């Protein structure tokens, strides 16, 4: 959960591949729920690609072009999952109680 002065990193990028952030004080708003749903899809896609990669590595008949395509898809999925992990790490850090500074 983000506090009013915290920003949530969204699971998509903006123009120029710049990160997008959401300013919110809760996780029940439309944009927060949309981001949660997109993160779930991204995690599912990464799991499917991991399974495909394992099968392709075990298959001696996998062509170089097929492997290149798979690597390209895996790279995109890894980029998405890294963004999800970063966002969730920031959400955890924001929800931890902070020591008062004097």
N, C-alpha and C. Protein backbone atom coordinates (compact mmCIF):
# COMPACT_ATOMS: atom_id res chain seq x y z
N UNK A 1 0.85 -1.17 0.00
CA UNK A 1 0.00 0.00 0.00
C UNK A 1 0.89 1.24 0.00
N UNK A 2 0.59 2.18 -0.85
CA UNK A 2 1.39 3.40 -0.90
C UNK A 2 0.76 4.45 -0.02
N UNK A 3 1.60 5.28 0.57
CA UNK A 3 1.10 6.41 1.32
C UNK A 3 0.91 7.56 0.36
N UNK A 4 0.31 8.65 0.84
CA UNK A 4 0.02 9.76 -0.05
C UNK A 4 1.27 10.35 -0.69
N UNK A 5 2.39 10.27 -0.02
CA UNK A 5 3.61 10.85 -0.58
C UNK A 5 4.47 9.82 -1.32
N UNK A 6 3.93 8.60 -1.54
CA UNK A 6 4.66 7.56 -2.26
C UNK A 6 4.05 7.37 -3.63
N UNK A 7 4.87 6.93 -4.56
CA UNK A 7 4.42 6.69 -5.93
C UNK A 7 4.58 5.20 -6.23
N UNK A 8 3.60 4.64 -6.91
CA UNK A 8 3.67 3.24 -7.31
C UNK A 8 4.19 3.16 -8.74
N UNK A 9 5.23 2.35 -8.95
CA UNK A 9 5.74 2.09 -10.29
C UNK A 9 4.75 1.17 -10.98
N UNK A 10 4.25 1.59 -12.12
CA UNK A 10 3.26 0.81 -12.86
C UNK A 10 3.94 -0.21 -13.76
N UNK A 11 3.23 -1.29 -14.11
CA UNK A 11 3.86 -2.38 -14.88
C UNK A 11 3.93 -2.13 -16.38
N UNK A 12 3.92 -0.89 -16.78
CA UNK A 12 4.08 -0.54 -18.19
C UNK A 12 4.91 0.73 -18.26
N UNK A 13 5.46 0.99 -19.43
CA UNK A 13 6.28 2.19 -19.58
C UNK A 13 5.55 3.19 -20.45
N UNK A 14 6.00 4.43 -20.37
CA UNK A 14 5.41 5.50 -21.14
C UNK A 14 6.24 5.79 -22.38
N UNK A 15 5.98 6.93 -23.02
CA UNK A 15 6.75 7.31 -24.20
C UNK A 15 8.25 7.32 -23.92
N UNK A 16 9.01 6.84 -24.87
CA UNK A 16 10.45 6.79 -24.70
C UNK A 16 10.89 5.76 -23.69
N UNK A 17 10.03 4.78 -23.41
CA UNK A 17 10.30 3.72 -22.43
C UNK A 17 10.56 4.27 -21.02
N UNK A 18 9.96 5.43 -20.74
CA UNK A 18 10.10 6.04 -19.41
C UNK A 18 9.16 5.34 -18.44
N UNK A 19 9.55 5.21 -17.17
CA UNK A 19 8.66 4.57 -16.19
C UNK A 19 7.42 5.42 -15.93
N UNK A 20 6.32 4.74 -15.64
CA UNK A 20 5.06 5.41 -15.28
C UNK A 20 4.80 5.17 -13.81
N UNK A 21 4.32 6.18 -13.13
CA UNK A 21 4.02 6.08 -11.70
C UNK A 21 2.59 6.49 -11.43
N UNK A 22 2.04 5.95 -10.35
CA UNK A 22 0.70 6.26 -9.91
C UNK A 22 0.77 6.80 -8.50
N UNK A 23 0.16 7.95 -8.29
CA UNK A 23 0.06 8.52 -6.95
C UNK A 23 -1.30 8.12 -6.39
N UNK A 24 -1.26 7.32 -5.33
CA UNK A 24 -2.50 6.83 -4.74
C UNK A 24 -2.29 6.55 -3.26
N UNK A 25 -3.38 6.58 -2.52
CA UNK A 25 -3.28 6.25 -1.10
C UNK A 25 -3.95 4.91 -0.80
N UNK A 26 -4.26 4.16 -1.83
CA UNK A 26 -4.89 2.86 -1.61
C UNK A 26 -4.74 1.97 -2.81
N UNK A 27 -5.10 0.70 -2.63
CA UNK A 27 -4.96 -0.28 -3.71
C UNK A 27 -6.31 -0.68 -4.29
N UNK A 28 -7.37 0.02 -3.89
CA UNK A 28 -8.70 -0.37 -4.37
C UNK A 28 -9.17 0.48 -5.55
N UNK A 29 -8.42 1.47 -5.94
CA UNK A 29 -8.80 2.32 -7.07
C UNK A 29 -8.66 1.59 -8.40
N UNK A 30 -9.30 2.13 -9.42
CA UNK A 30 -9.30 1.51 -10.73
C UNK A 30 -7.89 1.28 -11.27
N UNK A 31 -7.04 2.29 -11.23
CA UNK A 31 -5.69 2.17 -11.79
C UNK A 31 -4.84 1.17 -11.01
N UNK A 32 -5.01 1.12 -9.69
CA UNK A 32 -4.28 0.14 -8.89
C UNK A 32 -4.71 -1.28 -9.24
N UNK A 33 -6.01 -1.48 -9.39
CA UNK A 33 -6.52 -2.81 -9.75
C UNK A 33 -6.07 -3.19 -11.17
N UNK A 34 -6.07 -2.22 -12.09
CA UNK A 34 -5.60 -2.48 -13.44
C UNK A 34 -4.12 -2.89 -13.42
N UNK A 35 -3.32 -2.17 -12.66
CA UNK A 35 -1.89 -2.51 -12.55
C UNK A 35 -1.72 -3.90 -11.95
N UNK A 36 -2.49 -4.24 -10.92
CA UNK A 36 -2.42 -5.57 -10.31
C UNK A 36 -2.75 -6.66 -11.34
N UNK A 37 -3.79 -6.42 -12.14
CA UNK A 37 -4.20 -7.40 -13.15
C UNK A 37 -3.14 -7.56 -14.23
N UNK A 38 -2.55 -6.46 -14.66
CA UNK A 38 -1.50 -6.53 -15.68
C UNK A 38 -0.28 -7.25 -15.14
N UNK A 39 0.08 -6.99 -13.88
CA UNK A 39 1.20 -7.70 -13.26
C UNK A 39 0.92 -9.20 -13.24
N UNK A 40 -0.30 -9.60 -12.92
CA UNK A 40 -0.65 -11.02 -12.89
C UNK A 40 -0.50 -11.65 -14.28
N UNK A 41 -0.92 -10.94 -15.31
CA UNK A 41 -0.77 -11.43 -16.68
C UNK A 41 0.71 -11.55 -17.03
N UNK A 42 1.51 -10.55 -16.66
CA UNK A 42 2.94 -10.58 -16.95
C UNK A 42 3.62 -11.75 -16.25
N UNK A 43 3.25 -12.02 -15.02
CA UNK A 43 3.83 -13.16 -14.30
C UNK A 43 3.42 -14.48 -14.95
N UNK A 44 2.18 -14.58 -15.38
CA UNK A 44 1.72 -15.79 -16.07
C UNK A 44 2.44 -16.00 -17.38
N UNK A 45 2.63 -14.93 -18.12
CA UNK A 45 3.34 -15.01 -19.40
C UNK A 45 4.78 -15.48 -19.18
N UNK A 46 5.44 -14.94 -18.16
CA UNK A 46 6.81 -15.34 -17.85
C UNK A 46 6.89 -16.82 -17.49
N UNK A 47 5.92 -17.31 -16.73
CA UNK A 47 5.90 -18.72 -16.36
C UNK A 47 5.73 -19.61 -17.61
N UNK A 48 4.86 -19.20 -18.51
CA UNK A 48 4.66 -19.96 -19.76
C UNK A 48 5.93 -19.96 -20.61
N UNK A 49 6.58 -18.80 -20.72
CA UNK A 49 7.81 -18.71 -21.51
C UNK A 49 8.93 -19.54 -20.90
N UNK A 50 8.99 -19.59 -19.58
CA UNK A 50 10.00 -20.41 -18.92
C UNK A 50 9.80 -21.89 -19.26
N UNK A 51 8.55 -22.31 -19.26
CA UNK A 51 8.24 -23.69 -19.63
C UNK A 51 8.63 -23.95 -21.09
N UNK A 52 8.29 -23.02 -21.98
CA UNK A 52 8.66 -23.16 -23.40
C UNK A 52 10.17 -23.22 -23.57
N UNK A 53 10.89 -22.39 -22.82
CA UNK A 53 12.35 -22.37 -22.92
C UNK A 53 12.94 -23.70 -22.47
N UNK A 54 12.41 -24.26 -21.39
CA UNK A 54 12.90 -25.56 -20.91
C UNK A 54 12.68 -26.63 -21.96
N UNK A 55 11.50 -26.63 -22.58
CA UNK A 55 11.20 -27.61 -23.62
C UNK A 55 12.09 -27.40 -24.83
N UNK A 56 12.33 -26.16 -25.23
CA UNK A 56 13.17 -25.87 -26.40
C UNK A 56 14.60 -26.31 -26.16
N UNK A 57 15.10 -26.13 -24.94
CA UNK A 57 16.46 -26.55 -24.64
C UNK A 57 16.61 -28.06 -24.65
N UNK A 58 15.54 -28.75 -24.26
CA UNK A 58 15.57 -30.22 -24.26
C UNK A 58 15.39 -30.81 -25.66
N UNK A 59 14.87 -30.01 -26.59
CA UNK A 59 14.57 -30.49 -27.94
C UNK A 59 15.75 -30.20 -28.87
N UNK A 60 16.38 -31.26 -29.33
CA UNK A 60 17.53 -31.12 -30.23
C UNK A 60 17.14 -30.52 -31.58
N UNK A 61 15.85 -30.58 -31.94
CA UNK A 61 15.39 -30.10 -33.24
C UNK A 61 14.99 -28.63 -33.24
N UNK A 62 15.13 -27.94 -32.12
CA UNK A 62 14.78 -26.53 -32.06
C UNK A 62 15.76 -25.75 -32.94
N UNK A 63 15.20 -24.98 -33.86
CA UNK A 63 16.06 -24.23 -34.80
C UNK A 63 16.62 -22.97 -34.15
N UNK A 64 17.65 -22.44 -34.79
CA UNK A 64 18.26 -21.21 -34.32
C UNK A 64 17.26 -20.06 -34.37
N UNK A 65 16.44 -19.99 -35.41
CA UNK A 65 15.43 -18.93 -35.51
C UNK A 65 14.39 -19.05 -34.39
N UNK A 66 14.00 -20.28 -34.06
CA UNK A 66 13.05 -20.48 -32.96
C UNK A 66 13.67 -20.04 -31.64
N UNK A 67 14.94 -20.35 -31.44
CA UNK A 67 15.61 -19.95 -30.21
C UNK A 67 15.75 -18.44 -30.13
N UNK A 68 16.06 -17.79 -31.24
CA UNK A 68 16.17 -16.33 -31.25
C UNK A 68 14.83 -15.68 -30.89
N UNK A 69 13.75 -16.20 -31.46
CA UNK A 69 12.41 -15.69 -31.16
C UNK A 69 12.09 -15.88 -29.68
N UNK A 70 12.41 -17.05 -29.16
CA UNK A 70 12.18 -17.33 -27.74
C UNK A 70 13.00 -16.41 -26.84
N UNK A 71 14.25 -16.18 -27.19
CA UNK A 71 15.10 -15.29 -26.40
C UNK A 71 14.55 -13.87 -26.42
N UNK A 72 14.04 -13.43 -27.56
CA UNK A 72 13.44 -12.09 -27.65
C UNK A 72 12.22 -11.99 -26.73
N UNK A 73 11.37 -13.01 -26.74
CA UNK A 73 10.19 -13.02 -25.87
C UNK A 73 10.59 -13.09 -24.40
N UNK A 74 11.60 -13.91 -24.09
CA UNK A 74 12.08 -14.01 -22.72
C UNK A 74 12.66 -12.68 -22.22
N UNK A 75 13.35 -11.98 -23.10
CA UNK A 75 13.92 -10.68 -22.74
C UNK A 75 12.82 -9.70 -22.37
N UNK A 76 11.76 -9.66 -23.15
CA UNK A 76 10.63 -8.79 -22.84
C UNK A 76 9.96 -9.17 -21.54
N UNK A 77 9.78 -10.49 -21.33
CA UNK A 77 9.16 -10.96 -20.08
C UNK A 77 10.04 -10.64 -18.88
N UNK A 78 11.34 -10.80 -19.02
CA UNK A 78 12.26 -10.50 -17.93
C UNK A 78 12.21 -9.01 -17.59
N UNK A 79 12.12 -8.16 -18.60
CA UNK A 79 12.01 -6.72 -18.38
C UNK A 79 10.72 -6.41 -17.59
N UNK A 80 9.62 -7.05 -17.99
CA UNK A 80 8.34 -6.85 -17.28
C UNK A 80 8.43 -7.32 -15.83
N UNK A 81 9.00 -8.50 -15.61
CA UNK A 81 9.08 -9.07 -14.27
C UNK A 81 10.01 -8.25 -13.39
N UNK A 82 11.07 -7.72 -13.96
CA UNK A 82 11.96 -6.85 -13.18
C UNK A 82 11.20 -5.60 -12.72
N UNK A 83 10.36 -5.05 -13.60
CA UNK A 83 9.56 -3.89 -13.23
C UNK A 83 8.56 -4.26 -12.12
N UNK A 84 7.94 -5.44 -12.22
CA UNK A 84 7.00 -5.90 -11.19
C UNK A 84 7.73 -6.06 -9.86
N UNK A 85 8.90 -6.68 -9.89
CA UNK A 85 9.67 -6.89 -8.65
C UNK A 85 10.08 -5.56 -8.03
N UNK A 86 10.51 -4.63 -8.86
CA UNK A 86 10.89 -3.31 -8.36
C UNK A 86 9.70 -2.61 -7.74
N UNK A 87 8.56 -2.66 -8.41
CA UNK A 87 7.35 -2.02 -7.90
C UNK A 87 6.92 -2.63 -6.57
N UNK A 88 6.92 -3.95 -6.50
CA UNK A 88 6.50 -4.62 -5.27
C UNK A 88 7.48 -4.37 -4.14
N UNK A 89 8.76 -4.29 -4.46
CA UNK A 89 9.75 -3.95 -3.44
C UNK A 89 9.52 -2.55 -2.89
N UNK A 90 9.18 -1.62 -3.78
CA UNK A 90 8.88 -0.26 -3.33
C UNK A 90 7.62 -0.22 -2.49
N UNK A 91 6.61 -1.02 -2.86
CA UNK A 91 5.38 -1.08 -2.08
C UNK A 91 5.64 -1.63 -0.68
N UNK A 92 6.48 -2.66 -0.61
CA UNK A 92 6.83 -3.23 0.70
C UNK A 92 7.58 -2.22 1.56
N UNK A 93 8.54 -1.54 0.95
CA UNK A 93 9.32 -0.55 1.70
C UNK A 93 8.43 0.58 2.19
N UNK A 94 7.45 0.98 1.38
CA UNK A 94 6.56 2.06 1.77
C UNK A 94 5.60 1.65 2.88
N UNK A 95 5.30 0.34 2.98
CA UNK A 95 4.36 -0.10 4.00
C UNK A 95 5.02 -0.45 5.32
N UNK A 96 6.37 -0.53 5.34
CA UNK A 96 7.08 -0.81 6.58
C UNK A 96 7.05 0.42 7.48
N UNK A 97 6.86 0.20 8.78
CA UNK A 97 6.89 1.35 9.68
C UNK A 97 8.27 2.00 9.67
N UNK A 98 8.26 3.30 9.70
CA UNK A 98 9.54 4.05 9.66
C UNK A 98 9.88 4.57 11.06
N UNK A 99 11.16 4.55 11.32
CA UNK A 99 11.66 5.13 12.57
C UNK A 99 11.59 6.64 12.49
N UNK A 100 11.11 7.28 13.53
CA UNK A 100 11.08 8.75 13.49
C UNK A 100 12.50 9.31 13.46
N UNK A 101 12.66 10.37 12.71
CA UNK A 101 13.97 11.04 12.66
C UNK A 101 13.87 12.31 13.48
N UNK A 102 14.86 12.50 14.30
CA UNK A 102 14.88 13.68 15.18
C UNK A 102 16.00 14.60 14.83
